[in-house]
C-alpha atoms as a PDB file:
ATOM      1  CA  MET A   1      53.168  60.708 -29.834  1.00  0.00           C
ATOM      2  CA  THR A   2      50.532  58.707 -29.823  1.00  0.00           C
ATOM      3  CA  MET A   3      47.155  59.184 -29.556  1.00  0.00           C
ATOM      4  CA  VAL A   4      45.487  56.276 -27.498  1.00  0.00           C
ATOM      5  CA  SER A   5      40.846  55.918 -28.324  1.00  0.00           C
ATOM      6  CA  ASP A   6      38.855  56.043 -25.426  1.00  0.00           C
ATOM      7  CA  ASP A   7      37.551  52.679 -25.602  1.00  0.00           C
ATOM      8  CA  THR A   8      41.911  51.895 -25.365  1.00  0.00           C
ATOM      9  CA  LEU A   9      42.039  53.534 -22.326  1.00  0.00           C
ATOM     10  CA  GLN A  10      38.156  52.545 -20.659  1.00  0.00           C
ATOM     11  CA  ILE A  11      39.673  48.977 -21.639  1.00  0.00           C
ATOM     12  CA  LEU A  12      43.093  49.428 -19.187  1.00  0.00           C
ATOM     13  CA  GLU A  13      40.566  51.220 -16.528  1.00  0.00           C
ATOM     14  CA  MET A  14      38.876  48.857 -15.839  1.00  0.00           C
ATOM     15  CA  LEU A  15      42.021  45.700 -16.096  1.00  0.00           C
ATOM     16  CA  LYS A  16      43.598  48.230 -13.615  1.00  0.00           C
ATOM     17  CA  LYS A  17      40.326  47.844 -11.256  1.00  0.00           C
ATOM     18  CA  VAL A  18      39.815  43.705 -11.752  1.00  0.00           C
ATOM     19  CA  ALA A  19      43.626  42.831 -10.796  1.00  0.00           C
ATOM     20  CA  THR A  20      43.378  45.200  -7.732  1.00  0.00           C
ATOM     21  CA  LYS A  21      40.481  44.346  -6.590  1.00  0.00           C
ATOM     22  CA  THR A  22      42.009  40.292  -6.885  1.00  0.00           C
ATOM     23  CA  LEU A  23      45.198  41.235  -5.210  1.00  0.00           C
ATOM     24  CA  GLU A  24      43.146  42.609  -2.389  1.00  0.00           C
ATOM     25  CA  LYS A  25      40.462  39.497  -2.019  1.00  0.00           C
ATOM     26  CA  LYS A  26      43.747  37.155  -2.670  1.00  0.00           C
ATOM     27  CA  ARG A  27      45.669  39.731   0.263  1.00  0.00           C
ATOM     28  CA  ARG A  28      42.191  39.405   2.771  1.00  0.00           C
ATOM     29  CA  LEU A  29      42.286  35.655   1.656  1.00  0.00           C
ATOM     30  CA  GLY A  30      45.301  34.925   3.187  1.00  0.00           C
ATOM     31  CA  GLN A  31      47.291  34.470  -0.237  1.00  0.00           C
ATOM     32  CA  TYR A  32      49.895  35.059  -1.655  1.00  0.00           C
ATOM     33  CA  ALA A  33      50.066  36.491  -5.208  1.00  0.00           C
ATOM     34  CA  VAL A  34      52.709  36.700  -8.198  1.00  0.00           C
ATOM     35  CA  ILE A  35      53.652  40.084  -9.356  1.00  0.00           C
ATOM     36  CA  TRP A  36      56.185  41.670 -11.223  1.00  0.00           C
ATOM     37  CA  ARG A  37      58.838  44.425  -9.709  1.00  0.00           C
ATOM     38  CA  ASP A  38      61.389  45.786 -10.992  1.00  0.00           C
ATOM     39  CA  GLY A  39      62.170  43.047 -14.415  1.00  0.00           C
ATOM     40  CA  LYS A  40      61.172  39.940 -12.423  1.00  0.00           C
ATOM     41  CA  ALA A  41      58.633  38.132 -10.866  1.00  0.00           C
ATOM     42  CA  ILE A  42      58.040  38.133  -7.185  1.00  0.00           C
ATOM     43  CA  ALA A  43      55.786  36.591  -4.692  1.00  0.00           C
ATOM     44  CA  VAL A  44      54.213  38.022  -2.508  1.00  0.00           C
ATOM     45  CA  GLY A  45      52.447  37.622   0.597  1.00  0.00           C
ATOM     46  CA  GLU A  46      52.974  36.172   4.013  1.00  0.00           C
ATOM     47  CA  ASP A  47      52.810  32.532   2.302  1.00  0.00           C
ATOM     48  CA  ALA A  48      54.787  33.269  -0.209  1.00  0.00           C
ATOM     49  CA  PRO A  49      57.495  30.399  -0.892  1.00  0.00           C
ATOM     50  CA  GLN A  50      60.756  31.378  -0.584  1.00  0.00           C
ATOM     51  CA  GLU A  51      63.556  30.087  -2.197  1.00  0.00           C
ATOM     52  CA  SER A  52      64.468  27.295  -0.724  1.00  0.00           C
ATOM     53  CA  ASP A  53      60.562  25.102  -0.756  1.00  0.00           C
ATOM     54  CA  THR A  54      60.964  25.053  -4.185  1.00  0.00           C
ATOM     55  CA  GLY A  55      63.948  25.691  -5.115  1.00  0.00           C
ATOM     56  CA  HIS A  56      63.186  28.818  -6.996  1.00  0.00           C
ATOM     57  CA  SER A  57      63.433  33.111  -5.483  1.00  0.00           C
ATOM     58  CA  TYR A  58      60.211  34.169  -5.997  1.00  0.00           C
ATOM     59  CA  ASN A  59      62.041  37.279  -3.700  1.00  0.00           C
END
């Protein structure tokens, strides 16, 4: 098993908090976000671009 230092765990927790806070802020502002899900980048949110908008598939 790989041992992870306390500093590394603290950094990971802070990154998770920042990401959560940023995604919540974008949601409240009505902005979409691009996230990684099932090995693909997808756009989520009410104003997320669709494939017909850009020629790229985000969903």
